[in-house]
């Protein structure tokens, strides 16, 4: 699935997302003191069960890693994926959830 989905970034709405004609999938964030708080993830019901959420979160974490952005995580699903991949993403986290 990850080869088909291309992560997009909407800086105005503070969203990292995939575009689909039949629904939506996004991670939202807010910024405080140059730290991104990844606070919500959503995959529309019609898109669930396809691995899209995991792919979205991993690509979102890869994006912030590539930009050297410090993060805080307030979403339990994002935190779950982050903690399963501490070897890769551990350097990103500024604060505990």
PDB file of N, CA and C in Angstrom:
ATOM      1  N   UNK A   1       0.822  -1.204   0.000  1.00  0.00           N
ATOM      2  CA  UNK A   1       0.000   0.000   0.000  1.00  0.00           C
ATOM      3  C   UNK A   1       0.860   1.259   0.000  1.00  0.00           C
ATOM      4  N   UNK A   2       2.002   1.256   0.654  1.00  0.00           N
ATOM      5  CA  UNK A   2       2.795   2.470   0.786  1.00  0.00           C
ATOM      6  C   UNK A   2       3.312   2.985  -0.546  1.00  0.00           C
ATOM      7  N   UNK A   3       3.471   2.123  -1.552  1.00  0.00           N
ATOM      8  CA  UNK A   3       3.950   2.575  -2.841  1.00  0.00           C
ATOM      9  C   UNK A   3       2.878   3.335  -3.620  1.00  0.00           C
ATOM     10  N   UNK A   4       1.617   3.106  -3.301  1.00  0.00           N
ATOM     11  CA  UNK A   4       0.520   3.755  -4.006  1.00  0.00           C
ATOM     12  C   UNK A   4       0.150   5.097  -3.385  1.00  0.00           C
ATOM     13  N   UNK A   5       0.312   5.228  -2.070  1.00  0.00           N
ATOM     14  CA  UNK A   5      -0.129   6.431  -1.370  1.00  0.00           C
ATOM     15  C   UNK A   5       0.999   7.445  -1.292  1.00  0.00           C
ATOM     16  N   UNK A   6       0.690   8.661  -1.704  1.00  0.00           N
ATOM     17  CA  UNK A   6       1.670   9.738  -1.677  1.00  0.00           C
ATOM     18  C   UNK A   6       1.234  10.749  -0.629  1.00  0.00           C
ATOM     19  N   UNK A   7       2.099  10.971   0.350  1.00  0.00           N
ATOM     20  CA  UNK A   7       1.791  11.903   1.428  1.00  0.00           C
ATOM     21  C   UNK A   7       1.812  13.332   0.910  1.00  0.00           C
ATOM     22  N   UNK A   8       0.796  14.081   1.293  1.00  0.00           N
ATOM     23  CA  UNK A   8       0.709  15.499   0.949  1.00  0.00           C
ATOM     24  C   UNK A   8       0.680  16.289   2.253  1.00  0.00           C
ATOM     25  N   UNK A   9       1.089  17.552   2.176  1.00  0.00           N
ATOM     26  CA  UNK A   9       1.152  18.406   3.359  1.00  0.00           C
ATOM     27  C   UNK A   9       0.392  19.695   3.094  1.00  0.00           C
ATOM     28  N   UNK A  10      -0.561  19.996   3.946  1.00  0.00           N
ATOM     29  CA  UNK A  10      -1.295  21.264   3.892  1.00  0.00           C
ATOM     30  C   UNK A  10      -0.849  22.087   5.093  1.00  0.00           C
ATOM     31  N   UNK A  11       0.077  23.021   4.867  1.00  0.00           N
ATOM     32  CA  UNK A  11       0.632  23.824   5.955  1.00  0.00           C
ATOM     33  C   UNK A  11      -0.409  24.749   6.584  1.00  0.00           C
ATOM     34  N   UNK A  12      -1.375  25.195   5.797  1.00  0.00           N
ATOM     35  CA  UNK A  12      -2.403  26.102   6.301  1.00  0.00           C
ATOM     36  C   UNK A  12      -3.346  25.392   7.271  1.00  0.00           C
ATOM     37  N   UNK A  13      -3.770  24.182   6.910  1.00  0.00           N
ATOM     38  CA  UNK A  13      -4.699  23.422   7.751  1.00  0.00           C
ATOM     39  C   UNK A  13      -3.982  22.532   8.758  1.00  0.00           C
ATOM     40  N   UNK A  14      -2.645  22.477   8.683  1.00  0.00           N
ATOM     41  CA  UNK A  14      -1.834  21.625   9.566  1.00  0.00           C
ATOM     42  C   UNK A  14      -2.235  20.159   9.434  1.00  0.00           C
ATOM     43  N   UNK A  15      -2.208  19.671   8.192  1.00  0.00           N
ATOM     44  CA  UNK A  15      -2.561  18.282   7.898  1.00  0.00           C
ATOM     45  C   UNK A  15      -1.483  17.603   7.058  1.00  0.00           C
ATOM     46  N   UNK A  16      -1.222  16.354   7.373  1.00  0.00           N
ATOM     47  CA  UNK A  16      -0.468  15.445   6.517  1.00  0.00           C
ATOM     48  C   UNK A  16      -1.506  14.424   6.061  1.00  0.00           C
ATOM     49  N   UNK A  17      -1.638  14.202   4.754  1.00  0.00           N
ATOM     50  CA  UNK A  17      -2.786  13.421   4.295  1.00  0.00           C
ATOM     51  C   UNK A  17      -2.514  12.668   3.000  1.00  0.00           C
ATOM     52  N   UNK A  18      -3.401  11.709   2.736  1.00  0.00           N
ATOM     53  CA  UNK A  18      -3.489  11.021   1.457  1.00  0.00           C
ATOM     54  C   UNK A  18      -4.782  11.474   0.798  1.00  0.00           C
ATOM     55  N   UNK A  19      -4.761  11.630  -0.516  1.00  0.00           N
ATOM     56  CA  UNK A  19      -5.968  11.977  -1.268  1.00  0.00           C
ATOM     57  C   UNK A  19      -6.637  10.721  -1.816  1.00  0.00           C
ATOM     58  N   UNK A  20      -7.929  10.614  -1.594  1.00  0.00           N
ATOM     59  CA  UNK A  20      -8.733   9.517  -2.119  1.00  0.00           C
ATOM     60  C   UNK A  20     -10.046  10.102  -2.628  1.00  0.00           C
ATOM     61  N   UNK A  21     -10.601   9.505  -3.665  1.00  0.00           N
ATOM     62  CA  UNK A  21     -11.906   9.973  -4.153  1.00  0.00           C
ATOM     63  C   UNK A  21     -13.027   9.492  -3.241  1.00  0.00           C
ATOM     64  N   UNK A  22     -12.806   8.374  -2.536  1.00  0.00           N
ATOM     65  CA  UNK A  22     -13.877   7.769  -1.750  1.00  0.00           C
ATOM     66  C   UNK A  22     -13.764   7.993  -0.245  1.00  0.00           C
ATOM     67  N   UNK A  23     -12.951   8.915   0.205  1.00  0.00           N
ATOM     68  CA  UNK A  23     -12.847   9.173   1.639  1.00  0.00           C
ATOM     69  C   UNK A  23     -11.610   9.986   1.954  1.00  0.00           C
ATOM     70  N   UNK A  24     -11.291  10.043   3.243  1.00  0.00           N
ATOM     71  CA  UNK A  24     -10.134  10.832   3.637  1.00  0.00           C
ATOM     72  C   UNK A  24      -9.279  10.077   4.645  1.00  0.00           C
ATOM     73  N   UNK A  25      -8.014  10.455   4.686  1.00  0.00           N
ATOM     74  CA  UNK A  25      -7.063   9.896   5.642  1.00  0.00           C
ATOM     75  C   UNK A  25      -6.067  11.000   5.956  1.00  0.00           C
ATOM     76  N   UNK A  26      -5.970  11.362   7.240  1.00  0.00           N
ATOM     77  CA  UNK A  26      -5.049  12.442   7.583  1.00  0.00           C
ATOM     78  C   UNK A  26      -4.542  12.329   9.018  1.00  0.00           C
ATOM     79  N   UNK A  27      -3.426  13.002   9.240  1.00  0.00           N
ATOM     80  CA  UNK A  27      -2.864  13.248  10.567  1.00  0.00           C
ATOM     81  C   UNK A  27      -2.885  14.759  10.732  1.00  0.00           C
ATOM     82  N   UNK A  28      -3.456  15.219  11.844  1.00  0.00           N
ATOM     83  CA  UNK A  28      -3.458  16.659  12.102  1.00  0.00           C
ATOM     84  C   UNK A  28      -2.429  16.977  13.183  1.00  0.00           C
ATOM     85  N   UNK A  29      -1.990  18.217  13.172  1.00  0.00           N
ATOM     86  CA  UNK A  29      -1.006  18.662  14.147  1.00  0.00           C
ATOM     87  C   UNK A  29      -1.197  20.140  14.440  1.00  0.00           C
ATOM     88  N   UNK A  30      -0.672  20.579  15.573  1.00  0.00           N
ATOM     89  CA  UNK A  30      -0.543  22.010  15.835  1.00  0.00           C
ATOM     90  C   UNK A  30       0.905  22.253  16.204  1.00  0.00           C
ATOM     91  N   UNK A  31       1.317  23.495  16.133  1.00  0.00           N
ATOM     92  CA  UNK A  31       2.717  23.844  16.378  1.00  0.00           C
ATOM     93  C   UNK A  31       2.792  24.808  17.554  1.00  0.00           C
ATOM     94  N   UNK A  32       3.655  24.470  18.512  1.00  0.00           N
ATOM     95  CA  UNK A  32       3.904  25.338  19.648  1.00  0.00           C
ATOM     96  C   UNK A  32       5.390  25.297  19.952  1.00  0.00           C
ATOM     97  N   UNK A  33       6.014  26.457  19.965  1.00  0.00           N
ATOM     98  CA  UNK A  33       7.455  26.558  20.221  1.00  0.00           C
ATOM     99  C   UNK A  33       8.258  25.667  19.281  1.00  0.00           C
ATOM    100  N   UNK A  34       7.877  25.663  18.012  1.00  0.00           N
ATOM    101  CA  UNK A  34       8.554  24.894  16.961  1.00  0.00           C
ATOM    102  C   UNK A  34       8.455  23.382  17.138  1.00  0.00           C
ATOM    103  N   UNK A  35       7.568  22.922  18.005  1.00  0.00           N
ATOM    104  CA  UNK A  35       7.340  21.497  18.212  1.00  0.00           C
ATOM    105  C   UNK A  35       5.965  21.146  17.653  1.00  0.00           C
ATOM    106  N   UNK A  36       5.930  20.134  16.808  1.00  0.00           N
ATOM    107  CA  UNK A  36       4.661  19.688  16.233  1.00  0.00           C
ATOM    108  C   UNK A  36       4.007  18.704  17.178  1.00  0.00           C
ATOM    109  N   UNK A  37       2.765  18.997  17.562  1.00  0.00           N
ATOM    110  CA  UNK A  37       1.968  18.070  18.353  1.00  0.00           C
ATOM    111  C   UNK A  37       1.074  17.294  17.390  1.00  0.00           C
ATOM    112  N   UNK A  38       1.430  16.019  17.146  1.00  0.00           N
ATOM    113  CA  UNK A  38       0.615  15.160  16.284  1.00  0.00           C
ATOM    114  C   UNK A  38      -0.564  14.707  17.128  1.00  0.00           C
ATOM    115  N   UNK A  39      -1.719  15.343  16.915  1.00  0.00           N
ATOM    116  CA  UNK A  39      -2.816  15.202  17.862  1.00  0.00           C
ATOM    117  C   UNK A  39      -4.011  14.380  17.404  1.00  0.00           C
ATOM    118  N   UNK A  40      -4.032  13.964  16.143  1.00  0.00           N
ATOM    119  CA  UNK A  40      -5.216  13.232  15.690  1.00  0.00           C
ATOM    120  C   UNK A  40      -4.893  12.508  14.384  1.00  0.00           C
ATOM    121  N   UNK A  41      -5.432  11.319  14.240  1.00  0.00           N
ATOM    122  CA  UNK A  41      -5.344  10.604  12.964  1.00  0.00           C
ATOM    123  C   UNK A  41      -6.737  10.087  12.621  1.00  0.00           C
ATOM    124  N   UNK A  42      -7.039  10.124  11.335  1.00  0.00           N
ATOM    125  CA  UNK A  42      -8.358   9.683  10.886  1.00  0.00           C
ATOM    126  C   UNK A  42      -8.248   8.996   9.539  1.00  0.00           C
ATOM    127  N   UNK A  43      -8.936   7.880   9.421  1.00  0.00           N
ATOM    128  CA  UNK A  43      -9.129   7.205   8.139  1.00  0.00           C
ATOM    129  C   UNK A  43     -10.622   6.953   8.020  1.00  0.00           C
ATOM    130  N   UNK A  44     -11.217   7.432   6.941  1.00  0.00           N
ATOM    131  CA  UNK A  44     -12.653   7.235   6.724  1.00  0.00           C
ATOM    132  C   UNK A  44     -13.011   5.759   6.787  1.00  0.00           C
ATOM    133  N   UNK A  45     -14.212   5.495   7.257  1.00  0.00           N
ATOM    134  CA  UNK A  45     -14.681   4.122   7.450  1.00  0.00           C
ATOM    135  C   UNK A  45     -14.547   3.285   6.179  1.00  0.00           C
ATOM    136  N   UNK A  46     -14.859   3.876   5.028  1.00  0.00           N
ATOM    137  CA  UNK A  46     -14.812   3.114   3.778  1.00  0.00           C
ATOM    138  C   UNK A  46     -13.392   2.738   3.357  1.00  0.00           C
ATOM    139  N   UNK A  47     -12.381   3.342   3.975  1.00  0.00           N
ATOM    140  CA  UNK A  47     -10.981   3.043   3.647  1.00  0.00           C
ATOM    141  C   UNK A  47     -10.301   2.143   4.675  1.00  0.00           C
ATOM    142  N   UNK A  48     -10.983   1.847   5.747  1.00  0.00           N
ATOM    143  CA  UNK A  48     -10.369   1.079   6.839  1.00  0.00           C
ATOM    144  C   UNK A  48     -10.122  -0.367   6.433  1.00  0.00           C
ATOM    145  N   UNK A  49      -9.175  -1.003   7.122  1.00  0.00           N
ATOM    146  CA  UNK A  49      -8.857  -2.404   6.889  1.00  0.00           C
ATOM    147  C   UNK A  49      -7.926  -2.650   5.718  1.00  0.00           C
ATOM    148  N   UNK A  50      -7.305  -1.584   5.198  1.00  0.00           N
ATOM    149  CA  UNK A  50      -6.413  -1.702   4.046  1.00  0.00           C
ATOM    150  C   UNK A  50      -4.965  -1.338   4.394  1.00  0.00           C
ATOM    151  N   UNK A  51      -4.696  -1.066   5.674  1.00  0.00           N
ATOM    152  CA  UNK A  51      -3.346  -0.672   6.080  1.00  0.00           C
ATOM    153  C   UNK A  51      -3.031   0.791   5.849  1.00  0.00           C
ATOM    154  N   UNK A  52      -4.055   1.561   5.515  1.00  0.00           N
ATOM    155  CA  UNK A  52      -3.844   2.968   5.192  1.00  0.00           C
ATOM    156  C   UNK A  52      -3.403   3.770   6.416  1.00  0.00           C
ATOM    157  N   UNK A  53      -4.000   3.520   7.567  1.00  0.00           N
ATOM    158  CA  UNK A  53      -3.651   4.278   8.774  1.00  0.00           C
ATOM    159  C   UNK A  53      -2.182   4.082   9.135  1.00  0.00           C
ATOM    160  N   UNK A  54      -1.732   2.846   9.123  1.00  0.00           N
ATOM    161  CA  UNK A  54      -0.330   2.560   9.453  1.00  0.00           C
ATOM    162  C   UNK A  54       0.603   3.232   8.447  1.00  0.00           C
ATOM    163  N   UNK A  55       0.289   3.113   7.175  1.00  0.00           N
ATOM    164  CA  UNK A  55       1.091   3.728   6.121  1.00  0.00           C
ATOM    165  C   UNK A  55       1.125   5.251   6.290  1.00  0.00           C
ATOM    166  N   UNK A  56      -0.032   5.829   6.567  1.00  0.00           N
ATOM    167  CA  UNK A  56      -0.134   7.282   6.760  1.00  0.00           C
ATOM    168  C   UNK A  56       0.734   7.746   7.922  1.00  0.00           C
ATOM    169  N   UNK A  57       0.635   7.070   9.043  1.00  0.00           N
ATOM    170  CA  UNK A  57       1.410   7.472  10.225  1.00  0.00           C
ATOM    171  C   UNK A  57       2.899   7.282   9.962  1.00  0.00           C
ATOM    172  N   UNK A  58       3.286   6.168   9.365  1.00  0.00           N
ATOM    173  CA  UNK A  58       4.702   5.955   9.081  1.00  0.00           C
ATOM    174  C   UNK A  58       5.248   7.003   8.113  1.00  0.00           C
ATOM    175  N   UNK A  59       4.497   7.314   7.080  1.00  0.00           N
ATOM    176  CA  UNK A  59       4.946   8.345   6.138  1.00  0.00           C
ATOM    177  C   UNK A  59       4.979   9.726   6.802  1.00  0.00           C
ATOM    178  N   UNK A  60       4.032   9.992   7.697  1.00  0.00           N
ATOM    179  CA  UNK A  60       4.022  11.274   8.416  1.00  0.00           C
ATOM    180  C   UNK A  60       5.250  11.382   9.317  1.00  0.00           C
ATOM    181  N   UNK A  61       5.584  10.297  10.015  1.00  0.00           N
ATOM    182  CA  UNK A  61       6.774  10.296  10.864  1.00  0.00           C
ATOM    183  C   UNK A  61       8.044  10.408  10.020  1.00  0.00           C
ATOM    184  N   UNK A  62       8.069   9.753   8.869  1.00  0.00           N
ATOM    185  CA  UNK A  62       9.212   9.894   7.954  1.00  0.00           C
ATOM    186  C   UNK A  62       9.353  11.343   7.484  1.00  0.00           C
ATOM    187  N   UNK A  63       8.218  11.993   7.229  1.00  0.00           N
ATOM    188  CA  UNK A  63       8.228  13.387   6.781  1.00  0.00           C
ATOM    189  C   UNK A  63       8.855  14.294   7.844  1.00  0.00           C
ATOM    190  N   UNK A  64       8.386  14.179   9.090  1.00  0.00           N
ATOM    191  CA  UNK A  64       8.942  15.053  10.137  1.00  0.00           C
ATOM    192  C   UNK A  64      10.402  14.712  10.414  1.00  0.00           C
ATOM    193  N   UNK A  65      10.762  13.440  10.280  1.00  0.00           N
ATOM    194  CA  UNK A  65      12.160  13.042  10.443  1.00  0.00           C
ATOM    195  C   UNK A  65      13.031  13.697   9.373  1.00  0.00           C
ATOM    196  N   UNK A  66      12.555  13.706   8.139  1.00  0.00           N
ATOM    197  CA  UNK A  66      13.323  14.298   7.032  1.00  0.00           C
ATOM    198  C   UNK A  66      13.473  15.805   7.187  1.00  0.00           C
ATOM    199  N   UNK A  67      12.548  16.426   7.895  1.00  0.00           N
ATOM    200  CA  UNK A  67      12.587  17.884   8.115  1.00  0.00           C
ATOM    201  C   UNK A  67      13.234  18.238   9.454  1.00  0.00           C
ATOM    202  N   UNK A  68      13.653  17.220  10.214  1.00  0.00           N
ATOM    203  CA  UNK A  68      14.278  17.405  11.531  1.00  0.00           C
ATOM    204  C   UNK A  68      13.364  18.177  12.488  1.00  0.00           C
ATOM    205  N   UNK A  69      12.083  17.824  12.476  1.00  0.00           N
ATOM    206  CA  UNK A  69      11.079  18.481  13.309  1.00  0.00           C
ATOM    207  C   UNK A  69      10.913  17.695  14.604  1.00  0.00           C
ATOM    208  N   UNK A  70      10.933  18.378  15.730  1.00  0.00           N
ATOM    209  CA  UNK A  70      10.665  17.748  17.025  1.00  0.00           C
ATOM    210  C   UNK A  70       9.159  17.594  17.167  1.00  0.00           C
ATOM    211  N   UNK A  71       8.731  16.501  17.814  1.00  0.00           N
ATOM    212  CA  UNK A  71       7.303  16.234  17.926  1.00  0.00           C
ATOM    213  C   UNK A  71       6.887  15.903  19.350  1.00  0.00           C
ATOM    214  N   UNK A  72       5.615  16.103  19.568  1.00  0.00           N
ATOM    215  CA  UNK A  72       4.889  15.611  20.735  1.00  0.00           C
ATOM    216  C   UNK A  72       3.738  14.807  20.156  1.00  0.00           C
ATOM    217  N   UNK A  73       3.340  13.740  20.813  1.00  0.00           N
ATOM    218  CA  UNK A  73       2.262  12.900  20.279  1.00  0.00           C
ATOM    219  C   UNK A  73       1.108  12.857  21.274  1.00  0.00           C
ATOM    220  N   UNK A  74      -0.072  13.276  20.815  1.00  0.00           N
ATOM    221  CA  UNK A  74      -1.274  13.257  21.649  1.00  0.00           C
ATOM    222  C   UNK A  74      -2.311  12.257  21.152  1.00  0.00           C
ATOM    223  N   UNK A  75      -1.996  11.531  20.104  1.00  0.00           N
ATOM    224  CA  UNK A  75      -2.912  10.549  19.511  1.00  0.00           C
ATOM    225  C   UNK A  75      -2.407   9.151  19.858  1.00  0.00           C
ATOM    226  N   UNK A  76      -3.259   8.325  20.439  1.00  0.00           N
ATOM    227  CA  UNK A  76      -2.831   6.993  20.886  1.00  0.00           C
ATOM    228  C   UNK A  76      -2.380   6.104  19.727  1.00  0.00           C
ATOM    229  N   UNK A  77      -3.018   6.199  18.567  1.00  0.00           N
ATOM    230  CA  UNK A  77      -2.610   5.350  17.439  1.00  0.00           C
ATOM    231  C   UNK A  77      -1.238   5.770  16.913  1.00  0.00           C
ATOM    232  N   UNK A  78      -1.013   7.066  16.779  1.00  0.00           N
ATOM    233  CA  UNK A  78       0.293   7.545  16.328  1.00  0.00           C
ATOM    234  C   UNK A  78       1.364   7.119  17.329  1.00  0.00           C
ATOM    235  N   UNK A  79       1.054   7.234  18.612  1.00  0.00           N
ATOM    236  CA  UNK A  79       1.999   6.849  19.658  1.00  0.00           C
ATOM    237  C   UNK A  79       2.339   5.362  19.567  1.00  0.00           C
ATOM    238  N   UNK A  80       1.342   4.540  19.269  1.00  0.00           N
ATOM    239  CA  UNK A  80       1.552   3.094  19.133  1.00  0.00           C
ATOM    240  C   UNK A  80       2.540   2.797  18.001  1.00  0.00           C
ATOM    241  N   UNK A  81       2.344   3.414  16.844  1.00  0.00           N
ATOM    242  CA  UNK A  81       3.238   3.201  15.700  1.00  0.00           C
ATOM    243  C   UNK A  81       4.627   3.753  16.017  1.00  0.00           C
ATOM    244  N   UNK A  82       4.671   4.917  16.644  1.00  0.00           N
ATOM    245  CA  UNK A  82       5.948   5.529  17.024  1.00  0.00           C
ATOM    246  C   UNK A  82       6.735   4.585  17.933  1.00  0.00           C
ATOM    247  N   UNK A  83       6.098   4.069  18.966  1.00  0.00           N
ATOM    248  CA  UNK A  83       6.782   3.221  19.938  1.00  0.00           C
ATOM    249  C   UNK A  83       7.214   1.877  19.359  1.00  0.00           C
ATOM    250  N   UNK A  84       6.518   1.399  18.345  1.00  0.00           N
ATOM    251  CA  UNK A  84       6.929   0.160  17.677  1.00  0.00           C
ATOM    252  C   UNK A  84       8.158   0.386  16.796  1.00  0.00           C
ATOM    253  N   UNK A  85       8.475   1.641  16.530  1.00  0.00           N
ATOM    254  CA  UNK A  85       9.587   1.989  15.642  1.00  0.00           C
ATOM    255  C   UNK A  85      10.556   2.964  16.301  1.00  0.00           C
ATOM    256  N   UNK A  86      10.764   2.811  17.605  1.00  0.00           N
ATOM    257  CA  UNK A  86      11.647   3.727  18.339  1.00  0.00           C
ATOM    258  C   UNK A  86      13.049   3.781  17.754  1.00  0.00           C
ATOM    259  N   UNK A  87      13.526   2.674  17.233  1.00  0.00           N
ATOM    260  CA  UNK A  87      14.865   2.645  16.642  1.00  0.00           C
ATOM    261  C   UNK A  87      15.000   3.656  15.501  1.00  0.00           C
ATOM    262  N   UNK A  88      13.901   3.946  14.837  1.00  0.00           N
ATOM    263  CA  UNK A  88      13.924   4.871  13.697  1.00  0.00           C
ATOM    264  C   UNK A  88      13.495   6.285  14.089  1.00  0.00           C
ATOM    265  N   UNK A  89      12.480   6.381  14.942  1.00  0.00           N
ATOM    266  CA  UNK A  89      11.865   7.679  15.213  1.00  0.00           C
ATOM    267  C   UNK A  89      12.179   8.289  16.575  1.00  0.00           C
ATOM    268  N   UNK A  90      12.845   7.563  17.442  1.00  0.00           N
ATOM    269  CA  UNK A  90      13.078   8.020  18.807  1.00  0.00           C
ATOM    270  C   UNK A  90      13.693   9.400  18.932  1.00  0.00           C
ATOM    271  N   UNK A  91      14.518   9.776  17.967  1.00  0.00           N
ATOM    272  CA  UNK A  91      15.179  11.085  17.992  1.00  0.00           C
ATOM    273  C   UNK A  91      14.193  12.247  17.822  1.00  0.00           C
ATOM    274  N   UNK A  92      13.012  11.977  17.302  1.00  0.00           N
ATOM    275  CA  UNK A  92      12.045  13.035  17.010  1.00  0.00           C
ATOM    276  C   UNK A  92      11.350  13.570  18.255  1.00  0.00           C
ATOM    277  N   UNK A  93      11.150  12.729  19.234  1.00  0.00           N
ATOM    278  CA  UNK A  93      10.235  13.071  20.315  1.00  0.00           C
ATOM    279  C   UNK A  93      10.865  14.026  21.315  1.00  0.00           C
ATOM    280  N   UNK A  94      10.178  15.099  21.580  1.00  0.00           N
ATOM    281  CA  UNK A  94      10.647  16.125  22.501  1.00  0.00           C
ATOM    282  C   UNK A  94      10.085  15.906  23.891  1.00  0.00           C
ATOM    283  N   UNK A  95       8.813  15.550  23.967  1.00  0.00           N
ATOM    284  CA  UNK A  95       8.118  15.385  25.243  1.00  0.00           C
ATOM    285  C   UNK A  95       7.419  14.038  25.275  1.00  0.00           C
ATOM    286  N   UNK A  96       7.082  13.592  26.457  1.00  0.00           N
ATOM    287  CA  UNK A  96       6.264  12.393  26.588  1.00  0.00           C
ATOM    288  C   UNK A  96       4.828  12.729  26.258  1.00  0.00           C
ATOM    289  N   UNK A  97       4.080  11.741  25.807  1.00  0.00           N
ATOM    290  CA  UNK A  97       2.654  11.952  25.470  1.00  0.00           C
ATOM    291  C   UNK A  97       1.842  12.232  26.713  1.00  0.00           C
TER     292      UNK A  97
END
